[in-house]
PDB file of N, CA and C in Angstrom:
ATOM      1  N   UNK A   1      -1.261   4.145 -17.642  1.00  0.00           N
ATOM      2  CA  UNK A   1      -0.179   5.069 -17.445  1.00  0.00           C
ATOM      3  C   UNK A   1      -0.153   5.592 -16.012  1.00  0.00           C
ATOM      4  N   UNK A   2      -1.328   5.637 -15.391  1.00  0.00           N
ATOM      5  CA  UNK A   2      -1.387   6.112 -14.013  1.00  0.00           C
ATOM      6  C   UNK A   2      -0.679   5.184 -13.050  1.00  0.00           C
ATOM      7  N   UNK A   3      -0.795   3.885 -13.304  1.00  0.00           N
ATOM      8  CA  UNK A   3      -0.122   2.902 -12.447  1.00  0.00           C
ATOM      9  C   UNK A   3       1.389   3.023 -12.598  1.00  0.00           C
ATOM     10  N   UNK A   4       1.851   3.309 -13.813  1.00  0.00           N
ATOM     11  CA  UNK A   4       3.288   3.489 -14.050  1.00  0.00           C
ATOM     12  C   UNK A   4       3.803   4.684 -13.248  1.00  0.00           C
ATOM     13  N   UNK A   5       3.034   5.758 -13.217  1.00  0.00           N
ATOM     14  CA  UNK A   5       3.426   6.937 -12.432  1.00  0.00           C
ATOM     15  C   UNK A   5       3.485   6.609 -10.943  1.00  0.00           C
ATOM     16  N   UNK A   6       2.565   5.810 -10.470  1.00  0.00           N
ATOM     17  CA  UNK A   6       2.581   5.426  -9.059  1.00  0.00           C
ATOM     18  C   UNK A   6       3.806   4.576  -8.731  1.00  0.00           C
ATOM     19  N   UNK A   7       4.191   3.683  -9.645  1.00  0.00           N
ATOM     20  CA  UNK A   7       5.381   2.856  -9.441  1.00  0.00           C
ATOM     21  C   UNK A   7       6.646   3.721  -9.448  1.00  0.00           C
ATOM     22  N   UNK A   8       6.715   4.670 -10.383  1.00  0.00           N
ATOM     23  CA  UNK A   8       7.860   5.578 -10.426  1.00  0.00           C
ATOM     24  C   UNK A   8       7.915   6.424  -9.155  1.00  0.00           C
ATOM     25  N   UNK A   9       6.754   6.793  -8.636  1.00  0.00           N
ATOM     26  CA  UNK A   9       6.691   7.541  -7.379  1.00  0.00           C
ATOM     27  C   UNK A   9       7.280   6.719  -6.227  1.00  0.00           C
ATOM     28  N   UNK A  10       6.965   5.449  -6.187  1.00  0.00           N
ATOM     29  CA  UNK A  10       7.526   4.585  -5.149  1.00  0.00           C
ATOM     30  C   UNK A  10       9.035   4.428  -5.303  1.00  0.00           C
ATOM     31  N   UNK A  11       9.507   4.336  -6.542  1.00  0.00           N
ATOM     32  CA  UNK A  11      10.952   4.236  -6.787  1.00  0.00           C
ATOM     33  C   UNK A  11      11.650   5.513  -6.319  1.00  0.00           C
ATOM     34  N   UNK A  12      11.055   6.664  -6.608  1.00  0.00           N
ATOM     35  CA  UNK A  12      11.623   7.938  -6.140  1.00  0.00           C
ATOM     36  C   UNK A  12      11.619   8.019  -4.623  1.00  0.00           C
ATOM     37  N   UNK A  13      10.589   7.474  -4.000  1.00  0.00           N
ATOM     38  CA  UNK A  13      10.519   7.476  -2.540  1.00  0.00           C
ATOM     39  C   UNK A  13      11.622   6.614  -1.932  1.00  0.00           C
ATOM     40  N   UNK A  14      11.877   5.460  -2.525  1.00  0.00           N
ATOM     41  CA  UNK A  14      12.963   4.597  -2.056  1.00  0.00           C
ATOM     42  C   UNK A  14      14.311   5.277  -2.253  1.00  0.00           C
ATOM     43  N   UNK A  15      14.494   5.894  -3.416  1.00  0.00           N
ATOM     44  CA  UNK A  15      15.750   6.608  -3.672  1.00  0.00           C
ATOM     45  C   UNK A  15      15.910   7.791  -2.716  1.00  0.00           C
ATOM     46  N   UNK A  16      14.809   8.457  -2.375  1.00  0.00           N
ATOM     47  CA  UNK A  16      14.860   9.541  -1.398  1.00  0.00           C
ATOM     48  C   UNK A  16      15.346   9.019  -0.056  1.00  0.00           C
ATOM     49  N   UNK A  17      14.808   7.896   0.366  1.00  0.00           N
ATOM     50  CA  UNK A  17      15.228   7.315   1.641  1.00  0.00           C
ATOM     51  C   UNK A  17      16.717   6.965   1.631  1.00  0.00           C
ATOM     52  N   UNK A  18      17.169   6.344   0.547  1.00  0.00           N
ATOM     53  CA  UNK A  18      18.576   5.939   0.467  1.00  0.00           C
ATOM     54  C   UNK A  18      19.505   7.148   0.412  1.00  0.00           C
ATOM     55  N   UNK A  19      19.166   8.133  -0.389  1.00  0.00           N
ATOM     56  CA  UNK A  19      20.020   9.318  -0.503  1.00  0.00           C
ATOM     57  C   UNK A  19      19.964  10.184   0.748  1.00  0.00           C
ATOM     58  N   UNK A  20      18.824  10.203   1.433  1.00  0.00           N
ATOM     59  CA  UNK A  20      18.725  10.978   2.670  1.00  0.00           C
ATOM     60  C   UNK A  20      19.607  10.370   3.750  1.00  0.00           C
ATOM     61  N   UNK A  21      19.733   9.057   3.760  1.00  0.00           N
ATOM     62  CA  UNK A  21      20.621   8.409   4.717  1.00  0.00           C
ATOM     63  C   UNK A  21      22.076   8.734   4.420  1.00  0.00           C
ATOM     64  N   UNK A  22      22.386   8.836   3.135  1.00  0.00           N
ATOM     65  CA  UNK A  22      23.769   9.069   2.713  1.00  0.00           C
ATOM     66  C   UNK A  22      24.148  10.552   2.771  1.00  0.00           C
ATOM     67  N   UNK A  23      23.288  11.429   2.242  1.00  0.00           N
ATOM     68  CA  UNK A  23      23.633  12.839   2.084  1.00  0.00           C
ATOM     69  C   UNK A  23      22.922  13.763   3.057  1.00  0.00           C
ATOM     70  N   UNK A  24      21.814  13.323   3.620  1.00  0.00           N
ATOM     71  CA  UNK A  24      21.029  14.173   4.513  1.00  0.00           C
ATOM     72  C   UNK A  24      19.881  14.828   3.757  1.00  0.00           C
ATOM     73  N   UNK A  25      18.932  15.349   4.515  1.00  0.00           N
ATOM     74  CA  UNK A  25      17.745  15.953   3.906  1.00  0.00           C
ATOM     75  C   UNK A  25      18.004  17.363   3.391  1.00  0.00           C
ATOM     76  N   UNK A  26      19.125  17.968   3.737  1.00  0.00           N
ATOM     77  CA  UNK A  26      19.426  19.322   3.292  1.00  0.00           C
ATOM     78  C   UNK A  26      20.058  19.363   1.902  1.00  0.00           C
ATOM     79  N   UNK A  27      20.349  18.227   1.324  1.00  0.00           N
ATOM     80  CA  UNK A  27      21.003  18.176   0.014  1.00  0.00           C
ATOM     81  C   UNK A  27      19.993  18.429  -1.109  1.00  0.00           C
ATOM     82  N   UNK A  28      20.491  18.929  -2.218  1.00  0.00           N
ATOM     83  CA  UNK A  28      19.637  19.248  -3.371  1.00  0.00           C
ATOM     84  C   UNK A  28      19.026  17.979  -3.968  1.00  0.00           C
ATOM     85  N   UNK A  29      19.745  16.897  -3.958  1.00  0.00           N
ATOM     86  CA  UNK A  29      19.232  15.641  -4.530  1.00  0.00           C
ATOM     87  C   UNK A  29      18.039  15.133  -3.729  1.00  0.00           C
ATOM     88  N   UNK A  30      18.091  15.293  -2.410  1.00  0.00           N
ATOM     89  CA  UNK A  30      16.955  14.875  -1.577  1.00  0.00           C
ATOM     90  C   UNK A  30      15.708  15.697  -1.901  1.00  0.00           C
ATOM     91  N   UNK A  31      15.894  16.990  -2.081  1.00  0.00           N
ATOM     92  CA  UNK A  31      14.759  17.846  -2.440  1.00  0.00           C
ATOM     93  C   UNK A  31      14.220  17.478  -3.819  1.00  0.00           C
ATOM     94  N   UNK A  32      15.100  17.125  -4.726  1.00  0.00           N
ATOM     95  CA  UNK A  32      14.688  16.723  -6.069  1.00  0.00           C
ATOM     96  C   UNK A  32      13.874  15.431  -6.026  1.00  0.00           C
ATOM     97  N   UNK A  33      14.303  14.478  -5.224  1.00  0.00           N
ATOM     98  CA  UNK A  33      13.539  13.233  -5.105  1.00  0.00           C
ATOM     99  C   UNK A  33      12.200  13.464  -4.413  1.00  0.00           C
ATOM    100  N   UNK A  34      12.143  14.394  -3.455  1.00  0.00           N
ATOM    101  CA  UNK A  34      10.856  14.722  -2.830  1.00  0.00           C
ATOM    102  C   UNK A  34       9.898  15.332  -3.838  1.00  0.00           C
ATOM    103  N   UNK A  35      10.410  16.254  -4.651  1.00  0.00           N
ATOM    104  CA  UNK A  35       9.563  16.889  -5.671  1.00  0.00           C
ATOM    105  C   UNK A  35       9.118  15.875  -6.716  1.00  0.00           C
ATOM    106  N   UNK A  36      10.012  14.980  -7.115  1.00  0.00           N
ATOM    107  CA  UNK A  36       9.658  13.958  -8.106  1.00  0.00           C
ATOM    108  C   UNK A  36       8.621  12.992  -7.554  1.00  0.00           C
ATOM    109  N   UNK A  37       8.763  12.618  -6.288  1.00  0.00           N
ATOM    110  CA  UNK A  37       7.784  11.733  -5.656  1.00  0.00           C
ATOM    111  C   UNK A  37       6.402  12.377  -5.648  1.00  0.00           C
ATOM    112  N   UNK A  38       6.334  13.638  -5.240  1.00  0.00           N
ATOM    113  CA  UNK A  38       5.064  14.349  -5.210  1.00  0.00           C
ATOM    114  C   UNK A  38       4.468  14.472  -6.610  1.00  0.00           C
ATOM    115  N   UNK A  39       5.291  14.844  -7.588  1.00  0.00           N
ATOM    116  CA  UNK A  39       4.809  15.023  -8.957  1.00  0.00           C
ATOM    117  C   UNK A  39       4.254  13.729  -9.529  1.00  0.00           C
ATOM    118  N   UNK A  40       5.013  12.641  -9.453  1.00  0.00           N
ATOM    119  CA  UNK A  40       4.554  11.393 -10.046  1.00  0.00           C
ATOM    120  C   UNK A  40       3.352  10.822  -9.316  1.00  0.00           C
ATOM    121  N   UNK A  41       3.284  11.003  -7.993  1.00  0.00           N
ATOM    122  CA  UNK A  41       2.126  10.504  -7.246  1.00  0.00           C
ATOM    123  C   UNK A  41       0.854  11.233  -7.661  1.00  0.00           C
ATOM    124  N   UNK A  42       0.907  12.571  -7.693  1.00  0.00           N
ATOM    125  CA  UNK A  42      -0.282  13.325  -8.061  1.00  0.00           C
ATOM    126  C   UNK A  42      -0.633  13.152  -9.538  1.00  0.00           C
ATOM    127  N   UNK A  43       0.370  13.040 -10.394  1.00  0.00           N
ATOM    128  CA  UNK A  43       0.122  12.793 -11.817  1.00  0.00           C
ATOM    129  C   UNK A  43      -0.556  11.428 -12.005  1.00  0.00           C
ATOM    130  N   UNK A  44      -0.124  10.436 -11.255  1.00  0.00           N
ATOM    131  CA  UNK A  44      -0.744   9.117 -11.333  1.00  0.00           C
ATOM    132  C   UNK A  44      -2.197   9.140 -10.903  1.00  0.00           C
ATOM    133  N   UNK A  45      -2.499   9.890  -9.845  1.00  0.00           N
ATOM    134  CA  UNK A  45      -3.893  10.009  -9.394  1.00  0.00           C
ATOM    135  C   UNK A  45      -4.750  10.643 -10.485  1.00  0.00           C
ATOM    136  N   UNK A  46      -4.249  11.723 -11.080  1.00  0.00           N
ATOM    137  CA  UNK A  46      -5.009  12.408 -12.127  1.00  0.00           C
ATOM    138  C   UNK A  46      -5.229  11.491 -13.323  1.00  0.00           C
ATOM    139  N   UNK A  47      -4.206  10.770 -13.740  1.00  0.00           N
ATOM    140  CA  UNK A  47      -4.350   9.878 -14.895  1.00  0.00           C
ATOM    141  C   UNK A  47      -5.309   8.734 -14.615  1.00  0.00           C
ATOM    142  N   UNK A  48      -5.311   8.225 -13.409  1.00  0.00           N
ATOM    143  CA  UNK A  48      -6.255   7.155 -13.048  1.00  0.00           C
ATOM    144  C   UNK A  48      -7.681   7.681 -13.078  1.00  0.00           C
ATOM    145  N   UNK A  49      -7.906   8.881 -12.543  1.00  0.00           N
ATOM    146  CA  UNK A  49      -9.245   9.464 -12.542  1.00  0.00           C
ATOM    147  C   UNK A  49      -9.715   9.754 -13.965  1.00  0.00           C
ATOM    148  N   UNK A  50      -8.831  10.292 -14.805  1.00  0.00           N
ATOM    149  CA  UNK A  50      -9.194  10.563 -16.200  1.00  0.00           C
ATOM    150  C   UNK A  50      -9.506   9.264 -16.936  1.00  0.00           C
ATOM    151  N   UNK A  51      -8.741   8.221 -16.643  1.00  0.00           N
ATOM    152  CA  UNK A  51      -8.970   6.938 -17.301  1.00  0.00           C
ATOM    153  C   UNK A  51     -10.290   6.290 -16.929  1.00  0.00           C
ATOM    154  N   UNK A  52     -10.827   6.597 -15.758  1.00  0.00           N
ATOM    155  CA  UNK A  52     -12.094   6.016 -15.315  1.00  0.00           C
ATOM    156  C   UNK A  52     -13.305   6.852 -15.705  1.00  0.00           C
ATOM    157  N   UNK A  53     -13.102   7.970 -16.396  1.00  0.00           N
ATOM    158  CA  UNK A  53     -14.213   8.845 -16.768  1.00  0.00           C
ATOM    159  C   UNK A  53     -15.110   8.158 -17.795  1.00  0.00           C
ATOM    160  N   UNK A  54     -16.405   8.338 -17.635  1.00  0.00           N
ATOM    161  CA  UNK A  54     -17.379   7.759 -18.555  1.00  0.00           C
ATOM    162  C   UNK A  54     -17.794   8.849 -19.545  1.00  0.00           C
ATOM    163  N   UNK A  55     -17.181   8.825 -20.710  1.00  0.00           N
ATOM    164  CA  UNK A  55     -17.439   9.865 -21.711  1.00  0.00           C
ATOM    165  C   UNK A  55     -18.568   9.446 -22.647  1.00  0.00           C
ATOM    166  N   UNK A  56     -19.413  10.386 -23.054  1.00  0.00           N
ATOM    167  CA  UNK A  56     -20.499  10.062 -23.987  1.00  0.00           C
ATOM    168  C   UNK A  56     -19.954   9.874 -25.409  1.00  0.00           C
ATOM    169  N   UNK A  57     -20.763   9.264 -26.260  1.00  0.00           N
ATOM    170  CA  UNK A  57     -20.395   9.079 -27.661  1.00  0.00           C
ATOM    171  C   UNK A  57     -20.607  10.395 -28.402  1.00  0.00           C
ATOM    172  N   UNK A  58     -19.544  10.965 -28.924  1.00  0.00           N
ATOM    173  CA  UNK A  58     -19.619  12.263 -29.591  1.00  0.00           C
ATOM    174  C   UNK A  58     -19.420  12.142 -31.103  1.00  0.00           C
ATOM    175  N   UNK A  59     -19.662  10.977 -31.650  1.00  0.00           N
ATOM    176  CA  UNK A  59     -19.444  10.783 -33.086  1.00  0.00           C
ATOM    177  C   UNK A  59     -20.577  11.423 -33.889  1.00  0.00           C
ATOM    178  N   UNK A  60     -20.311  11.722 -35.161  1.00  0.00           N
ATOM    179  CA  UNK A  60     -21.277  12.372 -36.043  1.00  0.00           C
ATOM    180  C   UNK A  60     -22.121  11.388 -36.844  1.00  0.00           C
ATOM    181  N   UNK A  61     -21.841  10.111 -36.741  1.00  0.00           N
ATOM    182  CA  UNK A  61     -22.591   9.133 -37.548  1.00  0.00           C
ATOM    183  C   UNK A  61     -24.057   9.070 -37.147  1.00  0.00           C
ATOM    184  N   UNK A  62     -24.387   9.375 -35.922  1.00  0.00           N
ATOM    185  CA  UNK A  62     -25.781   9.367 -35.485  1.00  0.00           C
ATOM    186  C   UNK A  62     -26.580  10.523 -36.074  1.00  0.00           C
ATOM    187  N   UNK A  63     -25.943  11.641 -36.349  1.00  0.00           N
ATOM    188  CA  UNK A  63     -26.625  12.809 -36.898  1.00  0.00           C
ATOM    189  C   UNK A  63     -27.024  12.586 -38.346  1.00  0.00           C
ATOM    190  N   UNK A  64     -26.187  11.934 -39.139  1.00  0.00           N
ATOM    191  CA  UNK A  64     -26.486  11.740 -40.548  1.00  0.00           C
ATOM    192  C   UNK A  64     -27.596  10.695 -40.749  1.00  0.00           C
ATOM    193  N   UNK A  65     -27.759   9.760 -39.819  1.00  0.00           N
ATOM    194  CA  UNK A  65     -28.797   8.745 -39.947  1.00  0.00           C
ATOM    195  C   UNK A  65     -30.179   9.324 -39.628  1.00  0.00           C
ATOM    196  N   UNK A  66     -30.242  10.364 -38.785  1.00  0.00           N
ATOM    197  CA  UNK A  66     -31.530  10.954 -38.424  1.00  0.00           C
ATOM    198  C   UNK A  66     -32.157  11.753 -39.557  1.00  0.00           C
ATOM    199  N   UNK A  67     -31.363  12.260 -40.477  1.00  0.00           N
ATOM    200  CA  UNK A  67     -31.877  13.124 -41.544  1.00  0.00           C
ATOM    201  C   UNK A  67     -32.471  12.368 -42.665  1.00  0.00           C
TER     202      UNK A  67
END
């Protein structure tokens, strides 16, 4: 899912470039694409880091075998 967010971030960046050429950087749509680019980029980083986390086994089956 993190890679998908990074791809969407790139799409927003391209759309920002195209709309900035057409409407200028002072337009609300340009600001919206800047915010979307930042959001999806940082969300993608967080999801990639969470996906690479090495979590311990927290199941209860090991406790019942010890007794």
